[in-house]
Amino acid sequence: MTAPTATSRGVVLAASAYVLWGFLPLFYRELDHVPVLAILTHRGLWALVFVALLVTLMGRWPHVLVAVRTPRSLLILSVTGLLIASNWGGFIFAVTNDLVLGASLGYFINPLMSVALGVVLLGERLNTAQRIAIALAAFGVLNEIILIGDVPWIALFLASTFAAYGYLRKTVGVESLDGLFVEMAVLSPLMVGYLVWSGGVTLGFAHTDLLTIGLLLLTGPFTAIPLLLFAAGARRITLAAVGILQFLAPSIMFLLAVFVFDEPFGLANALTFVGIWLGLAVFAWDALRAR
């Protein structure tokens, strides 16, 4: 039996990250009795604690200090911290308010939103396939607005905040683990302040059952572990492979929304997703063809 190659290990690691992200709605649905802002602040705070432990174990403090002492890196990471926290908050809101289908749509749109950001902010030119992909995605969104009569705001919010986060994080040379620590550290005064204001010095734990306390504490590792898996996997595989694997998470969310959470899914919704899926198929084909 041959040993697994670096590429195959990379695929397994990256796929594991996306699968974990895909099943996150099951976890946060168990916290739907907790206010969204409380879940968000606990997630950020315990992610900070968990990542600090990992940074210590992995001897990454010199790298963190370099990021903190570099004004440009600190400024960008402060902005990306706000963006990723906003994205987390939108996702938690979607899960706890029966909008998982919208969250799925948002993360399907995200790759195409990233391409659009490249055009607007970097002056990048689109080839024919990329134009077709974005046009199909736009059809899906317009279908949602016209046939369903509703702007898919949660999908657009999640897609835009995550695309902006990804764009800015690429402009600063800080590893994902180190960057996440700085992002959450910058926001920690706000997080601790809110939890003390809303729940006292016990951060609200004094009035919460043990199961809820355990789940809130687990938001830390559940945030950091997929990031570590993704970072380890992405280093071993091509960007095209990463681009294909990233559709795992919203696909799982889609299946959960329809078959587990029983969210409404009619013909109009199907047309929306068909437009997005066709756009992504063209996008993926173009990425693989360019290898």
C-alpha atoms as a PDB file:
ATOM      1  CA  MET A   1       0.000   0.000   0.000  1.00  0.00           C
ATOM      2  CA  THR A   2       1.555   3.287  -1.094  1.00  0.00           C
ATOM      3  CA  ALA A   3       1.898   6.207   1.294  1.00  0.00           C
ATOM      4  CA  PRO A   4      -0.423   9.165   0.677  1.00  0.00           C
ATOM      5  CA  THR A   5       1.128  11.984  -1.298  1.00  0.00           C
ATOM      6  CA  ALA A   6       1.350  15.566  -0.058  1.00  0.00           C
ATOM      7  CA  THR A   7      -1.389  16.504  -2.511  1.00  0.00           C
ATOM      8  CA  SER A   8      -3.788  13.801  -1.322  1.00  0.00           C
ATOM      9  CA  ARG A   9      -3.134  14.781   2.312  1.00  0.00           C
ATOM     10  CA  GLY A  10      -3.801  18.377   1.350  1.00  0.00           C
ATOM     11  CA  VAL A  11      -7.127  17.463  -0.246  1.00  0.00           C
ATOM     12  CA  VAL A  12      -8.178  15.523   2.865  1.00  0.00           C
ATOM     13  CA  LEU A  13      -7.192  18.364   5.197  1.00  0.00           C
ATOM     14  CA  ALA A  14      -8.860  21.115   3.158  1.00  0.00           C
ATOM     15  CA  ALA A  15     -11.971  19.004   2.528  1.00  0.00           C
ATOM     16  CA  SER A  16     -12.206  18.296   6.267  1.00  0.00           C
ATOM     17  CA  ALA A  17     -12.209  22.031   6.951  1.00  0.00           C
ATOM     18  CA  TYR A  18     -15.017  22.672   4.474  1.00  0.00           C
ATOM     19  CA  VAL A  19     -17.060  19.733   5.787  1.00  0.00           C
ATOM     20  CA  LEU A  20     -16.776  21.093   9.335  1.00  0.00           C
ATOM     21  CA  TRP A  21     -17.843  24.545   8.125  1.00  0.00           C
ATOM     22  CA  GLY A  22     -20.738  22.967   6.268  1.00  0.00           C
ATOM     23  CA  PHE A  23     -22.099  21.238   9.364  1.00  0.00           C
ATOM     24  CA  LEU A  24     -21.721  24.296  11.624  1.00  0.00           C
ATOM     25  CA  PRO A  25     -25.465  25.126  11.337  1.00  0.00           C
ATOM     26  CA  LEU A  26     -26.215  21.973  13.359  1.00  0.00           C
ATOM     27  CA  PHE A  27     -23.978  23.284  16.136  1.00  0.00           C
ATOM     28  CA  TYR A  28     -25.274  26.864  16.220  1.00  0.00           C
ATOM     29  CA  ARG A  29     -28.908  25.732  15.965  1.00  0.00           C
ATOM     30  CA  GLU A  30     -28.412  24.302  19.475  1.00  0.00           C
ATOM     31  CA  LEU A  31     -27.734  27.857  20.658  1.00  0.00           C
ATOM     32  CA  ASP A  32     -30.796  29.478  19.097  1.00  0.00           C
ATOM     33  CA  HIS A  33     -32.090  30.358  22.586  1.00  0.00           C
ATOM     34  CA  VAL A  34     -29.069  32.647  23.134  1.00  0.00           C
ATOM     35  CA  PRO A  35     -29.044  36.191  21.657  1.00  0.00           C
ATOM     36  CA  VAL A  36     -27.053  36.438  18.430  1.00  0.00           C
ATOM     37  CA  LEU A  37     -24.702  39.126  19.777  1.00  0.00           C
ATOM     38  CA  ALA A  38     -23.972  37.024  22.861  1.00  0.00           C
ATOM     39  CA  ILE A  39     -23.110  33.976  20.710  1.00  0.00           C
ATOM     40  CA  LEU A  40     -20.922  36.147  18.488  1.00  0.00           C
ATOM     41  CA  THR A  41     -18.976  37.709  21.350  1.00  0.00           C
ATOM     42  CA  HIS A  42     -18.492  34.352  23.068  1.00  0.00           C
ATOM     43  CA  ARG A  43     -17.282  32.907  19.762  1.00  0.00           C
ATOM     44  CA  GLY A  44     -14.723  35.656  19.315  1.00  0.00           C
ATOM     45  CA  LEU A  45     -13.549  35.559  22.929  1.00  0.00           C
ATOM     46  CA  TRP A  46     -13.112  31.780  23.188  1.00  0.00           C
ATOM     47  CA  ALA A  47     -11.559  31.654  19.731  1.00  0.00           C
ATOM     48  CA  LEU A  48      -9.002  34.159  21.051  1.00  0.00           C
ATOM     49  CA  VAL A  49      -8.289  31.994  24.104  1.00  0.00           C
ATOM     50  CA  PHE A  50      -8.009  28.797  22.058  1.00  0.00           C
ATOM     51  CA  VAL A  51      -5.810  30.410  19.413  1.00  0.00           C
ATOM     52  CA  ALA A  52      -3.570  31.924  22.124  1.00  0.00           C
ATOM     53  CA  LEU A  53      -3.014  28.390  23.427  1.00  0.00           C
ATOM     54  CA  LEU A  54      -2.152  27.150  19.942  1.00  0.00           C
ATOM     55  CA  VAL A  55       0.178  30.092  19.303  1.00  0.00           C
ATOM     56  CA  THR A  56       1.981  29.231  22.537  1.00  0.00           C
ATOM     57  CA  LEU A  57       2.248  25.514  21.758  1.00  0.00           C
ATOM     58  CA  MET A  58       3.459  26.203  18.213  1.00  0.00           C
ATOM     59  CA  GLY A  59       5.933  28.922  19.246  1.00  0.00           C
ATOM     60  CA  ARG A  60       4.286  31.547  17.015  1.00  0.00           C
ATOM     61  CA  TRP A  61       4.504  34.537  19.386  1.00  0.00           C
ATOM     62  CA  PRO A  62       7.446  36.155  17.504  1.00  0.00           C
ATOM     63  CA  HIS A  63       5.314  36.158  14.329  1.00  0.00           C
ATOM     64  CA  VAL A  64       2.332  37.629  16.192  1.00  0.00           C
ATOM     65  CA  LEU A  65       4.525  40.378  17.650  1.00  0.00           C
ATOM     66  CA  VAL A  66       5.838  41.267  14.179  1.00  0.00           C
ATOM     67  CA  ALA A  67       2.244  41.682  12.956  1.00  0.00           C
ATOM     68  CA  VAL A  68       1.296  43.818  15.966  1.00  0.00           C
ATOM     69  CA  ARG A  69       4.379  46.036  15.674  1.00  0.00           C
ATOM     70  CA  THR A  70       3.822  46.683  11.958  1.00  0.00           C
ATOM     71  CA  PRO A  71       1.333  49.589  11.715  1.00  0.00           C
ATOM     72  CA  ARG A  72       0.050  48.583   8.278  1.00  0.00           C
ATOM     73  CA  SER A  73      -0.516  44.957   9.294  1.00  0.00           C
ATOM     74  CA  LEU A  74      -2.206  45.975  12.546  1.00  0.00           C
ATOM     75  CA  LEU A  75      -4.524  48.386  10.731  1.00  0.00           C
ATOM     76  CA  ILE A  76      -5.523  45.851   8.081  1.00  0.00           C
ATOM     77  CA  LEU A  77      -6.039  43.103  10.665  1.00  0.00           C
ATOM     78  CA  SER A  78      -8.226  45.459  12.694  1.00  0.00           C
ATOM     79  CA  VAL A  79     -10.441  45.976   9.638  1.00  0.00           C
ATOM     80  CA  THR A  80     -10.468  42.270   8.750  1.00  0.00           C
ATOM     81  CA  GLY A  81     -11.380  41.499  12.358  1.00  0.00           C
ATOM     82  CA  LEU A  82     -14.483  43.670  12.020  1.00  0.00           C
ATOM     83  CA  LEU A  83     -15.298  42.042   8.676  1.00  0.00           C
ATOM     84  CA  ILE A  84     -14.982  38.444   9.868  1.00  0.00           C
ATOM     85  CA  ALA A  85     -16.921  39.229  13.060  1.00  0.00           C
ATOM     86  CA  SER A  86     -19.678  40.778  10.926  1.00  0.00           C
ATOM     87  CA  ASN A  87     -19.676  37.673   8.730  1.00  0.00           C
ATOM     88  CA  TRP A  88     -19.894  35.393  11.764  1.00  0.00           C
ATOM     89  CA  GLY A  89     -22.718  37.478  13.159  1.00  0.00           C
ATOM     90  CA  GLY A  90     -24.638  37.273   9.873  1.00  0.00           C
ATOM     91  CA  PHE A  91     -24.123  33.516   9.734  1.00  0.00           C
ATOM     92  CA  ILE A  92     -25.265  32.999  13.327  1.00  0.00           C
ATOM     93  CA  PHE A  93     -28.318  35.187  12.663  1.00  0.00           C
ATOM     94  CA  ALA A  94     -29.143  33.118   9.569  1.00  0.00           C
ATOM     95  CA  VAL A  95     -28.838  29.801  11.398  1.00  0.00           C
ATOM     96  CA  THR A  96     -30.906  30.862  14.403  1.00  0.00           C
ATOM     97  CA  ASN A  97     -33.610  32.501  12.256  1.00  0.00           C
ATOM     98  CA  ASP A  98     -34.273  29.705   9.731  1.00  0.00           C
ATOM     99  CA  LEU A  99     -32.258  31.329   6.947  1.00  0.00           C
ATOM    100  CA  VAL A 100     -29.708  28.574   6.350  1.00  0.00           C
ATOM    101  CA  LEU A 101     -30.747  28.440   2.685  1.00  0.00           C
ATOM    102  CA  GLY A 102     -29.787  32.109   2.400  1.00  0.00           C
ATOM    103  CA  ALA A 103     -26.463  31.409   4.112  1.00  0.00           C
ATOM    104  CA  SER A 104     -25.803  28.605   1.652  1.00  0.00           C
ATOM    105  CA  LEU A 105     -26.596  30.918  -1.252  1.00  0.00           C
ATOM    106  CA  GLY A 106     -24.218  33.533   0.150  1.00  0.00           C
ATOM    107  CA  TYR A 107     -21.263  31.178   0.341  1.00  0.00           C
ATOM    108  CA  PHE A 108     -22.020  29.890  -3.158  1.00  0.00           C
ATOM    109  CA  ILE A 109     -21.940  33.483  -4.429  1.00  0.00           C
ATOM    110  CA  ASN A 110     -18.742  34.344  -2.543  1.00  0.00           C
ATOM    111  CA  PRO A 111     -16.179  33.136  -5.170  1.00  0.00           C
ATOM    112  CA  LEU A 112     -17.908  35.178  -7.863  1.00  0.00           C
ATOM    113  CA  MET A 113     -18.113  38.160  -5.516  1.00  0.00           C
ATOM    114  CA  SER A 114     -14.345  37.879  -5.031  1.00  0.00           C
ATOM    115  CA  VAL A 115     -13.855  38.032  -8.808  1.00  0.00           C
ATOM    116  CA  ALA A 116     -16.093  41.103  -8.969  1.00  0.00           C
ATOM    117  CA  LEU A 117     -14.017  42.773  -6.237  1.00  0.00           C
ATOM    118  CA  GLY A 118     -10.891  42.136  -8.282  1.00  0.00           C
ATOM    119  CA  VAL A 119     -12.466  43.981 -11.211  1.00  0.00           C
ATOM    120  CA  VAL A 120     -13.665  46.934  -9.124  1.00  0.00           C
ATOM    121  CA  LEU A 121     -10.677  47.346  -6.799  1.00  0.00           C
ATOM    122  CA  LEU A 122      -7.760  46.014  -8.821  1.00  0.00           C
ATOM    123  CA  GLY A 123      -8.878  46.768 -12.361  1.00  0.00           C
ATOM    124  CA  GLU A 124      -8.618  43.109 -13.320  1.00  0.00           C
ATOM    125  CA  ARG A 125     -10.087  42.078 -16.660  1.00  0.00           C
ATOM    126  CA  LEU A 126     -12.552  39.227 -16.970  1.00  0.00           C
ATOM    127  CA  ASN A 127     -12.306  36.597 -19.662  1.00  0.00           C
ATOM    128  CA  THR A 128     -15.414  35.367 -21.457  1.00  0.00           C
ATOM    129  CA  ALA A 129     -16.034  32.446 -19.095  1.00  0.00           C
ATOM    130  CA  GLN A 130     -15.798  34.683 -16.016  1.00  0.00           C
ATOM    131  CA  ARG A 131     -18.250  37.162 -17.548  1.00  0.00           C
ATOM    132  CA  ILE A 132     -20.700  34.348 -18.222  1.00  0.00           C
ATOM    133  CA  ALA A 133     -20.282  33.013 -14.671  1.00  0.00           C
ATOM    134  CA  ILE A 134     -21.012  36.398 -13.087  1.00  0.00           C
ATOM    135  CA  ALA A 135     -23.959  36.989 -15.440  1.00  0.00           C
ATOM    136  CA  LEU A 136     -25.483  33.637 -14.422  1.00  0.00           C
ATOM    137  CA  ALA A 137     -25.015  34.460 -10.740  1.00  0.00           C
ATOM    138  CA  ALA A 138     -26.619  37.864 -11.306  1.00  0.00           C
ATOM    139  CA  PHE A 139     -29.555  36.079 -12.971  1.00  0.00           C
ATOM    140  CA  GLY A 140     -29.942  33.946  -9.849  1.00  0.00           C
ATOM    141  CA  VAL A 141     -30.013  36.972  -7.567  1.00  0.00           C
ATOM    142  CA  LEU A 142     -32.428  38.892  -9.837  1.00  0.00           C
ATOM    143  CA  ASN A 143     -34.681  35.848  -9.973  1.00  0.00           C
ATOM    144  CA  GLU A 144     -34.824  35.872  -6.179  1.00  0.00           C
ATOM    145  CA  ILE A 145     -35.820  39.547  -6.224  1.00  0.00           C
ATOM    146  CA  ILE A 146     -38.375  39.340  -9.071  1.00  0.00           C
ATOM    147  CA  LEU A 147     -40.053  35.946  -8.619  1.00  0.00           C
ATOM    148  CA  ILE A 148     -39.851  35.674  -4.850  1.00  0.00           C
ATOM    149  CA  GLY A 149     -40.127  39.426  -4.298  1.00  0.00           C
ATOM    150  CA  ASP A 150     -37.354  39.491  -1.733  1.00  0.00           C
ATOM    151  CA  VAL A 151     -33.792  40.794  -1.838  1.00  0.00           C
ATOM    152  CA  PRO A 152     -31.535  37.942  -0.619  1.00  0.00           C
ATOM    153  CA  TRP A 153     -29.885  40.326   1.816  1.00  0.00           C
ATOM    154  CA  ILE A 154     -28.383  37.715   4.133  1.00  0.00           C
ATOM    155  CA  ALA A 155     -26.763  35.952   1.158  1.00  0.00           C
ATOM    156  CA  LEU A 156     -25.394  39.215  -0.258  1.00  0.00           C
ATOM    157  CA  PHE A 157     -24.174  40.308   3.190  1.00  0.00           C
ATOM    158  CA  LEU A 158     -22.325  37.047   3.843  1.00  0.00           C
ATOM    159  CA  ALA A 159     -20.839  36.955   0.337  1.00  0.00           C
ATOM    160  CA  SER A 160     -19.671  40.581   0.373  1.00  0.00           C
ATOM    161  CA  THR A 161     -18.182  40.569   3.887  1.00  0.00           C
ATOM    162  CA  PHE A 162     -16.322  37.308   3.304  1.00  0.00           C
ATOM    163  CA  ALA A 163     -15.072  38.408  -0.116  1.00  0.00           C
ATOM    164  CA  ALA A 164     -13.849  41.709   1.349  1.00  0.00           C
ATOM    165  CA  TYR A 165     -12.213  39.809   4.206  1.00  0.00           C
ATOM    166  CA  GLY A 166     -10.434  37.480   1.795  1.00  0.00           C
ATOM    167  CA  TYR A 167      -9.265  40.366  -0.379  1.00  0.00           C
ATOM    168  CA  LEU A 168      -7.798  42.350   2.523  1.00  0.00           C
ATOM    169  CA  ARG A 169      -6.212  39.317   4.224  1.00  0.00           C
ATOM    170  CA  LYS A 170      -4.252  38.620   1.026  1.00  0.00           C
ATOM    171  CA  THR A 171      -2.704  42.085   1.239  1.00  0.00           C
ATOM    172  CA  VAL A 172      -0.974  41.369   4.552  1.00  0.00           C
ATOM    173  CA  GLY A 173       1.669  38.670   4.908  1.00  0.00           C
ATOM    174  CA  VAL A 174       0.445  37.145   8.161  1.00  0.00           C
ATOM    175  CA  GLU A 175      -0.387  33.450   8.601  1.00  0.00           C
ATOM    176  CA  SER A 176      -4.049  32.612   9.266  1.00  0.00           C
ATOM    177  CA  LEU A 177      -3.520  31.506  12.896  1.00  0.00           C
ATOM    178  CA  ASP A 178      -1.425  34.557  13.805  1.00  0.00           C
ATOM    179  CA  GLY A 179      -3.835  36.843  11.985  1.00  0.00           C
ATOM    180  CA  LEU A 180      -6.892  35.404  13.718  1.00  0.00           C
ATOM    181  CA  PHE A 181      -5.268  36.002  17.106  1.00  0.00           C
ATOM    182  CA  VAL A 182      -4.574  39.652  16.277  1.00  0.00           C
ATOM    183  CA  GLU A 183      -8.056  40.145  14.794  1.00  0.00           C
ATOM    184  CA  MET A 184      -9.768  38.795  17.900  1.00  0.00           C
ATOM    185  CA  ALA A 185      -7.335  40.539  20.272  1.00  0.00           C
ATOM    186  CA  VAL A 186      -8.184  43.899  18.710  1.00  0.00           C
ATOM    187  CA  LEU A 187     -11.896  43.197  19.209  1.00  0.00           C
ATOM    188  CA  SER A 188     -11.509  41.667  22.684  1.00  0.00           C
ATOM    189  CA  PRO A 189     -12.226  44.882  24.657  1.00  0.00           C
ATOM    190  CA  LEU A 190     -15.561  45.198  22.839  1.00  0.00           C
ATOM    191  CA  MET A 191     -16.363  41.516  23.333  1.00  0.00           C
ATOM    192  CA  VAL A 192     -15.512  41.462  27.032  1.00  0.00           C
ATOM    193  CA  GLY A 193     -17.256  44.802  27.548  1.00  0.00           C
ATOM    194  CA  TYR A 194     -20.478  43.528  25.986  1.00  0.00           C
ATOM    195  CA  LEU A 195     -20.449  40.258  27.940  1.00  0.00           C
ATOM    196  CA  VAL A 196     -19.820  42.053  31.244  1.00  0.00           C
ATOM    197  CA  TRP A 197     -22.505  44.641  30.450  1.00  0.00           C
ATOM    198  CA  SER A 198     -25.078  42.011  29.495  1.00  0.00           C
ATOM    199  CA  GLY A 199     -24.164  39.220  31.918  1.00  0.00           C
ATOM    200  CA  GLY A 200     -22.021  40.660  34.700  1.00  0.00           C
ATOM    201  CA  VAL A 201     -18.557  39.547  35.759  1.00  0.00           C
ATOM    202  CA  THR A 202     -19.506  35.897  35.155  1.00  0.00           C
ATOM    203  CA  LEU A 203     -20.084  36.759  31.464  1.00  0.00           C
ATOM    204  CA  GLY A 204     -23.640  35.474  31.804  1.00  0.00           C
ATOM    205  CA  PHE A 205     -22.581  31.949  32.803  1.00  0.00           C
ATOM    206  CA  ALA A 206     -24.136  32.272  36.282  1.00  0.00           C
ATOM    207  CA  HIS A 207     -27.610  32.278  34.737  1.00  0.00           C
ATOM    208  CA  THR A 208     -26.976  29.646  32.045  1.00  0.00           C
ATOM    209  CA  ASP A 209     -27.305  25.855  32.082  1.00  0.00           C
ATOM    210  CA  LEU A 210     -24.220  23.663  31.825  1.00  0.00           C
ATOM    211  CA  LEU A 211     -24.982  22.460  28.292  1.00  0.00           C
ATOM    212  CA  THR A 212     -25.202  26.019  26.971  1.00  0.00           C
ATOM    213  CA  ILE A 213     -21.976  26.953  28.781  1.00  0.00           C
ATOM    214  CA  GLY A 214     -20.222  23.984  27.184  1.00  0.00           C
ATOM    215  CA  LEU A 215     -21.506  24.872  23.728  1.00  0.00           C
ATOM    216  CA  LEU A 216     -20.437  28.507  24.077  1.00  0.00           C
ATOM    217  CA  LEU A 217     -16.951  27.445  25.157  1.00  0.00           C
ATOM    218  CA  LEU A 218     -16.748  25.075  22.177  1.00  0.00           C
ATOM    219  CA  THR A 219     -17.303  27.967  19.763  1.00  0.00           C
ATOM    220  CA  GLY A 220     -13.590  28.711  20.230  1.00  0.00           C
ATOM    221  CA  PRO A 221     -12.139  25.418  18.962  1.00  0.00           C
ATOM    222  CA  PHE A 222     -14.971  25.070  16.437  1.00  0.00           C
ATOM    223  CA  THR A 223     -13.778  28.372  14.971  1.00  0.00           C
ATOM    224  CA  ALA A 224     -10.040  27.731  15.000  1.00  0.00           C
ATOM    225  CA  ILE A 225      -9.765  24.027  14.084  1.00  0.00           C
ATOM    226  CA  PRO A 226     -11.272  24.331  10.562  1.00  0.00           C
ATOM    227  CA  LEU A 227      -8.977  27.287   9.901  1.00  0.00           C
ATOM    228  CA  LEU A 228      -5.938  25.221  10.889  1.00  0.00           C
ATOM    229  CA  LEU A 229      -7.062  22.305   8.714  1.00  0.00           C
ATOM    230  CA  PHE A 230      -7.663  24.630   5.789  1.00  0.00           C
ATOM    231  CA  ALA A 231      -4.301  26.385   6.175  1.00  0.00           C
ATOM    232  CA  ALA A 232      -2.477  23.049   6.331  1.00  0.00           C
ATOM    233  CA  GLY A 233      -4.367  21.680   3.330  1.00  0.00           C
ATOM    234  CA  ALA A 234      -4.188  24.777   1.137  1.00  0.00           C
ATOM    235  CA  ARG A 235      -0.378  24.752   1.292  1.00  0.00           C
ATOM    236  CA  ARG A 236      -0.317  21.286  -0.311  1.00  0.00           C
ATOM    237  CA  ILE A 237      -2.816  21.707  -3.163  1.00  0.00           C
ATOM    238  CA  THR A 238      -3.408  24.060  -6.075  1.00  0.00           C
ATOM    239  CA  LEU A 239      -5.654  27.113  -5.948  1.00  0.00           C
ATOM    240  CA  ALA A 240      -7.912  25.406  -8.497  1.00  0.00           C
ATOM    241  CA  ALA A 241      -8.393  22.477  -6.117  1.00  0.00           C
ATOM    242  CA  VAL A 242      -9.158  24.877  -3.262  1.00  0.00           C
ATOM    243  CA  GLY A 243     -11.675  26.604  -5.519  1.00  0.00           C
ATOM    244  CA  ILE A 244     -13.508  23.346  -6.177  1.00  0.00           C
ATOM    245  CA  LEU A 245     -13.424  22.156  -2.559  1.00  0.00           C
ATOM    246  CA  GLN A 246     -14.886  25.414  -1.239  1.00  0.00           C
ATOM    247  CA  PHE A 247     -18.275  24.423  -2.690  1.00  0.00           C
ATOM    248  CA  LEU A 248     -18.476  21.580  -0.156  1.00  0.00           C
ATOM    249  CA  ALA A 249     -19.523  23.825   2.753  1.00  0.00           C
ATOM    250  CA  PRO A 250     -22.465  25.619   1.090  1.00  0.00           C
ATOM    251  CA  SER A 251     -23.567  22.321  -0.509  1.00  0.00           C
ATOM    252  CA  ILE A 252     -23.830  20.730   2.942  1.00  0.00           C
ATOM    253  CA  MET A 253     -25.645  23.816   4.257  1.00  0.00           C
ATOM    254  CA  PHE A 254     -28.069  23.604   1.340  1.00  0.00           C
ATOM    255  CA  LEU A 255     -28.875  19.968   2.104  1.00  0.00           C
ATOM    256  CA  LEU A 256     -29.301  20.728   5.815  1.00  0.00           C
ATOM    257  CA  ALA A 257     -31.623  23.648   5.078  1.00  0.00           C
ATOM    258  CA  VAL A 258     -33.895  21.626   2.777  1.00  0.00           C
ATOM    259  CA  PHE A 259     -33.839  18.150   4.331  1.00  0.00           C
ATOM    260  CA  VAL A 260     -33.083  18.742   8.034  1.00  0.00           C
ATOM    261  CA  PHE A 261     -34.416  22.211   8.850  1.00  0.00           C
ATOM    262  CA  ASP A 262     -37.339  21.986   6.381  1.00  0.00           C
ATOM    263  CA  GLU A 263     -36.898  25.519   5.088  1.00  0.00           C
ATOM    264  CA  PRO A 264     -39.253  26.450   2.207  1.00  0.00           C
ATOM    265  CA  PHE A 265     -37.773  25.558  -1.177  1.00  0.00           C
ATOM    266  CA  GLY A 266     -39.953  26.025  -4.237  1.00  0.00           C
ATOM    267  CA  LEU A 267     -39.491  26.392  -7.982  1.00  0.00           C
ATOM    268  CA  ALA A 268     -38.426  30.053  -7.679  1.00  0.00           C
ATOM    269  CA  ASN A 269     -35.724  29.092  -5.164  1.00  0.00           C
ATOM    270  CA  ALA A 270     -34.619  26.279  -7.463  1.00  0.00           C
ATOM    271  CA  LEU A 271     -34.189  28.713 -10.361  1.00  0.00           C
ATOM    272  CA  THR A 272     -32.068  30.955  -8.155  1.00  0.00           C
ATOM    273  CA  PHE A 273     -29.754  28.108  -7.192  1.00  0.00           C
ATOM    274  CA  VAL A 274     -29.614  26.780 -10.752  1.00  0.00           C
ATOM    275  CA  GLY A 275     -28.350  30.175 -11.907  1.00  0.00           C
ATOM    276  CA  ILE A 276     -25.703  30.241  -9.164  1.00  0.00           C
ATOM    277  CA  TRP A 277     -24.675  26.611  -9.748  1.00  0.00           C
ATOM    278  CA  LEU A 278     -24.340  27.111 -13.496  1.00  0.00           C
ATOM    279  CA  GLY A 279     -22.225  30.197 -12.871  1.00  0.00           C
ATOM    280  CA  LEU A 280     -20.010  28.255 -10.474  1.00  0.00           C
ATOM    281  CA  ALA A 281     -19.709  25.370 -12.952  1.00  0.00           C
ATOM    282  CA  VAL A 282     -18.464  27.776 -15.640  1.00  0.00           C
ATOM    283  CA  PHE A 283     -16.146  29.422 -13.097  1.00  0.00           C
ATOM    284  CA  ALA A 284     -14.707  26.065 -11.970  1.00  0.00           C
ATOM    285  CA  TRP A 285     -14.292  24.866 -15.563  1.00  0.00           C
ATOM    286  CA  ASP A 286     -12.405  28.037 -16.419  1.00  0.00           C
ATOM    287  CA  ALA A 287     -10.149  27.668 -13.355  1.00  0.00           C
ATOM    288  CA  LEU A 288      -9.314  24.054 -14.203  1.00  0.00           C
ATOM    289  CA  ARG A 289      -8.746  24.908 -17.878  1.00  0.00           C
ATOM    290  CA  ALA A 290      -6.263  27.619 -16.880  1.00  0.00           C
ATOM    291  CA  ARG A 291      -4.050  25.212 -14.911  1.00  0.00           C
END
